[in-house]
C-alpha atoms as a PDB file:
ATOM      1  CA  MET A   1       0.000   0.000   0.000  1.00  0.00           C
ATOM      2  CA  LYS A   2       1.355   3.361  -0.959  1.00  0.00           C
ATOM      3  CA  LYS A   3       0.700   6.353   1.272  1.00  0.00           C
ATOM      4  CA  ILE A   4       0.220   8.556  -1.803  1.00  0.00           C
ATOM      5  CA  VAL A   5      -2.817   6.509  -2.860  1.00  0.00           C
ATOM      6  CA  ILE A   6      -4.447   6.987   0.543  1.00  0.00           C
ATOM      7  CA  THR A   7      -3.705  10.724   0.438  1.00  0.00           C
ATOM      8  CA  ILE A   8      -5.240  10.987  -3.053  1.00  0.00           C
ATOM      9  CA  ALA A   9      -8.305   9.007  -1.953  1.00  0.00           C
ATOM     10  CA  ASN A  10      -8.814  11.298   1.058  1.00  0.00           C
ATOM     11  CA  GLN A  11      -8.499  14.431  -1.068  1.00  0.00           C
ATOM     12  CA  LEU A  12     -10.926  13.067  -3.675  1.00  0.00           C
ATOM     13  CA  PHE A  13     -13.419  12.233  -0.938  1.00  0.00           C
ATOM     14  CA  GLU A  14     -13.150  15.770   0.429  1.00  0.00           C
ATOM     15  CA  ILE A  15     -13.561  17.296  -3.044  1.00  0.00           C
ATOM     16  CA  LYS A  16     -16.626  15.141  -3.727  1.00  0.00           C
ATOM     17  CA  SER A  17     -18.151  16.151  -0.367  1.00  0.00           C
ATOM     18  CA  LYS A  18     -17.645  19.826  -1.187  1.00  0.00           C
ATOM     19  CA  MET A  19     -19.030  19.336  -4.708  1.00  0.00           C
ATOM     20  CA  GLU A  20     -22.308  18.090  -3.221  1.00  0.00           C
ATOM     21  CA  LYS A  21     -22.701  21.296  -1.210  1.00  0.00           C
ATOM     22  CA  PHE A  22     -22.114  23.563  -4.202  1.00  0.00           C
ATOM     23  CA  ASP A  23     -22.838  23.249  -7.910  1.00  0.00           C
ATOM     24  CA  TYR A  24     -19.708  21.740  -9.401  1.00  0.00           C
ATOM     25  CA  SER A  25     -21.466  19.304 -11.694  1.00  0.00           C
ATOM     26  CA  LYS A  26     -19.058  20.134 -14.530  1.00  0.00           C
ATOM     27  CA  ILE A  27     -16.202  18.310 -12.800  1.00  0.00           C
ATOM     28  CA  GLU A  28     -18.243  15.485 -11.262  1.00  0.00           C
ATOM     29  CA  ARG A  29     -17.469  13.134 -14.154  1.00  0.00           C
ATOM     30  CA  ASN A  30     -13.737  13.718 -13.680  1.00  0.00           C
ATOM     31  CA  VAL A  31     -13.881  13.038  -9.942  1.00  0.00           C
ATOM     32  CA  ASP A  32     -15.977   9.907 -10.518  1.00  0.00           C
ATOM     33  CA  ARG A  33     -13.375   8.737 -13.030  1.00  0.00           C
ATOM     34  CA  LEU A  34     -10.618   9.107 -10.431  1.00  0.00           C
ATOM     35  CA  PHE A  35     -12.644   7.060  -7.939  1.00  0.00           C
ATOM     36  CA  HIS A  36     -13.114   4.453 -10.671  1.00  0.00           C
ATOM     37  CA  GLU A  37      -9.359   4.309 -11.274  1.00  0.00           C
ATOM     38  CA  LEU A  38      -8.729   3.758  -7.564  1.00  0.00           C
ATOM     39  CA  SER A  39     -11.318   0.995  -7.647  1.00  0.00           C
ATOM     40  CA  GLN A  40      -9.530  -0.642 -10.578  1.00  0.00           C
ATOM     41  CA  GLU A  41      -6.367  -0.703  -8.429  1.00  0.00           C
ATOM     42  CA  GLY A  42      -8.241  -2.586  -5.698  1.00  0.00           C
ATOM     43  CA  TYR A  43      -9.238   0.302  -3.422  1.00  0.00           C
ATOM     44  CA  GLU A  44     -12.752   0.741  -2.070  1.00  0.00           C
ATOM     45  CA  ILE A  45     -13.628   4.113  -0.545  1.00  0.00           C
ATOM     46  CA  VAL A  46     -16.632   3.893   1.780  1.00  0.00           C
ATOM     47  CA  ASP A  47     -18.620   6.893   2.992  1.00  0.00           C
ATOM     48  CA  PRO A  48     -20.126   5.973   6.390  1.00  0.00           C
ATOM     49  CA  MET A  49     -22.394   9.072   6.512  1.00  0.00           C
ATOM     50  CA  GLY A  50     -25.729   8.230   8.102  1.00  0.00           C
ATOM     51  CA  ARG A  51     -24.560   4.794   9.240  1.00  0.00           C
ATOM     52  CA  LYS A  52     -26.010   3.634  12.553  1.00  0.00           C
ATOM     53  CA  TYR A  53     -23.303   3.837  15.212  1.00  0.00           C
ATOM     54  CA  VAL A  54     -22.264   0.537  16.765  1.00  0.00           C
ATOM     55  CA  ASP A  55     -19.424   0.736  19.272  1.00  0.00           C
ATOM     56  CA  THR A  56     -17.973  -2.567  18.041  1.00  0.00           C
ATOM     57  CA  ASP A  57     -17.444  -1.260  14.487  1.00  0.00           C
ATOM     58  CA  ILE A  58     -13.670  -1.426  14.001  1.00  0.00           C
ATOM     59  CA  SER A  59     -13.796   0.411  10.666  1.00  0.00           C
ATOM     60  CA  ILE A  60     -14.381   3.827  12.243  1.00  0.00           C
ATOM     61  CA  ASP A  61     -12.887   6.085  14.913  1.00  0.00           C
ATOM     62  CA  ALA A  62     -15.716   8.162  16.316  1.00  0.00           C
ATOM     63  CA  THR A  63     -15.982  11.368  18.272  1.00  0.00           C
ATOM     64  CA  ILE A  64     -19.287  11.185  20.087  1.00  0.00           C
ATOM     65  CA  ASN A  65     -21.398  14.281  20.722  1.00  0.00           C
ATOM     66  CA  GLY A  66     -23.923  13.703  23.483  1.00  0.00           C
ATOM     67  CA  ASP A  67     -25.159  10.373  24.792  1.00  0.00           C
ATOM     68  CA  ILE A  68     -25.111   7.145  22.797  1.00  0.00           C
ATOM     69  CA  THR A  69     -28.592   5.839  22.061  1.00  0.00           C
ATOM     70  CA  ARG A  70     -29.934   3.211  19.723  1.00  0.00           C
ATOM     71  CA  TYR A  71     -30.611   6.078  17.296  1.00  0.00           C
ATOM     72  CA  SER A  72     -27.019   7.375  17.271  1.00  0.00           C
ATOM     73  CA  LYS A  73     -25.568   7.689  13.794  1.00  0.00           C
ATOM     74  CA  VAL A  74     -22.676   9.175  11.858  1.00  0.00           C
ATOM     75  CA  VAL A  75     -23.464  12.836  11.164  1.00  0.00           C
ATOM     76  CA  LYS A  76     -20.127  13.981   9.737  1.00  0.00           C
ATOM     77  CA  VAL A  77     -17.292  12.180   7.961  1.00  0.00           C
ATOM     78  CA  LEU A  78     -13.824  13.677   8.244  1.00  0.00           C
ATOM     79  CA  LYS A  79     -12.086  10.785   6.444  1.00  0.00           C
ATOM     80  CA  PRO A  80     -13.658   7.859   4.600  1.00  0.00           C
ATOM     81  CA  ILE A  81     -13.098   4.173   5.271  1.00  0.00           C
ATOM     82  CA  ILE A  82     -10.611   2.721   2.780  1.00  0.00           C
ATOM     83  CA  TYR A  83     -10.220  -0.967   1.979  1.00  0.00           C
ATOM     84  CA  ARG A  84      -7.755  -2.663  -0.366  1.00  0.00           C
ATOM     85  CA  GLU A  85      -8.463  -5.939  -2.111  1.00  0.00           C
ATOM     86  CA  GLU A  86      -5.402  -8.202  -1.875  1.00  0.00           C
ATOM     87  CA  ASN A  87      -5.167 -11.892  -2.639  1.00  0.00           C
ATOM     88  CA  GLY A  88      -8.935 -12.296  -2.604  1.00  0.00           C
ATOM     89  CA  SER A  89      -9.508 -10.638   0.753  1.00  0.00           C
ATOM     90  CA  SER A  90     -10.411  -7.113   1.738  1.00  0.00           C
ATOM     91  CA  GLN A  91      -7.932  -5.329   4.037  1.00  0.00           C
ATOM     92  CA  LEU A  92      -8.803  -2.233   6.064  1.00  0.00           C
ATOM     93  CA  VAL A  93      -6.109   0.338   5.225  1.00  0.00           C
ATOM     94  CA  GLN A  94      -7.735   3.408   6.800  1.00  0.00           C
ATOM     95  CA  LYS A  95     -10.378   3.736   9.470  1.00  0.00           C
ATOM     96  CA  GLY A  96     -13.069   6.313   8.853  1.00  0.00           C
ATOM     97  CA  ILE A  97     -12.857   9.351  11.106  1.00  0.00           C
ATOM     98  CA  VAL A  98     -16.399  10.393  12.018  1.00  0.00           C
ATOM     99  CA  ILE A  99     -18.585  12.410  14.345  1.00  0.00           C
ATOM    100  CA  VAL A 100     -21.565  10.633  15.902  1.00  0.00           C
ATOM    101  CA  GLU A 101     -24.699  12.115  17.449  1.00  0.00           C
END
C-alpha cells in the first residue's frame, strides 16, 4: 500500500463532499473517473455518513457528541473508510474518522 494513494483518496473524498454542497457538476465526471481508477487498483472508498453507530465497528474512529442511544448515527465524515483488495480478501487500510450524534 502506498501512502500517496491513501492521500489521493482522502483528497478526492473531500472534493466530492464539497461538490455536493455547491454546484460543481461540470467536474463530477472527472472526480468519478478518479474514484473508478482507484477501484480498478483494488481500493474501495466507503462513505459511512448516516450509518447507525455501533461501538464494536472497528472500521471507524468516532468522536461522540452527546449520549449514545440506539438512534445514534454518523453525522459527519472527516475521512472515509478505505479498503484494499489483496489476494482475494479485503484489508482495512484506513479507518473512517467520524462524528456521531
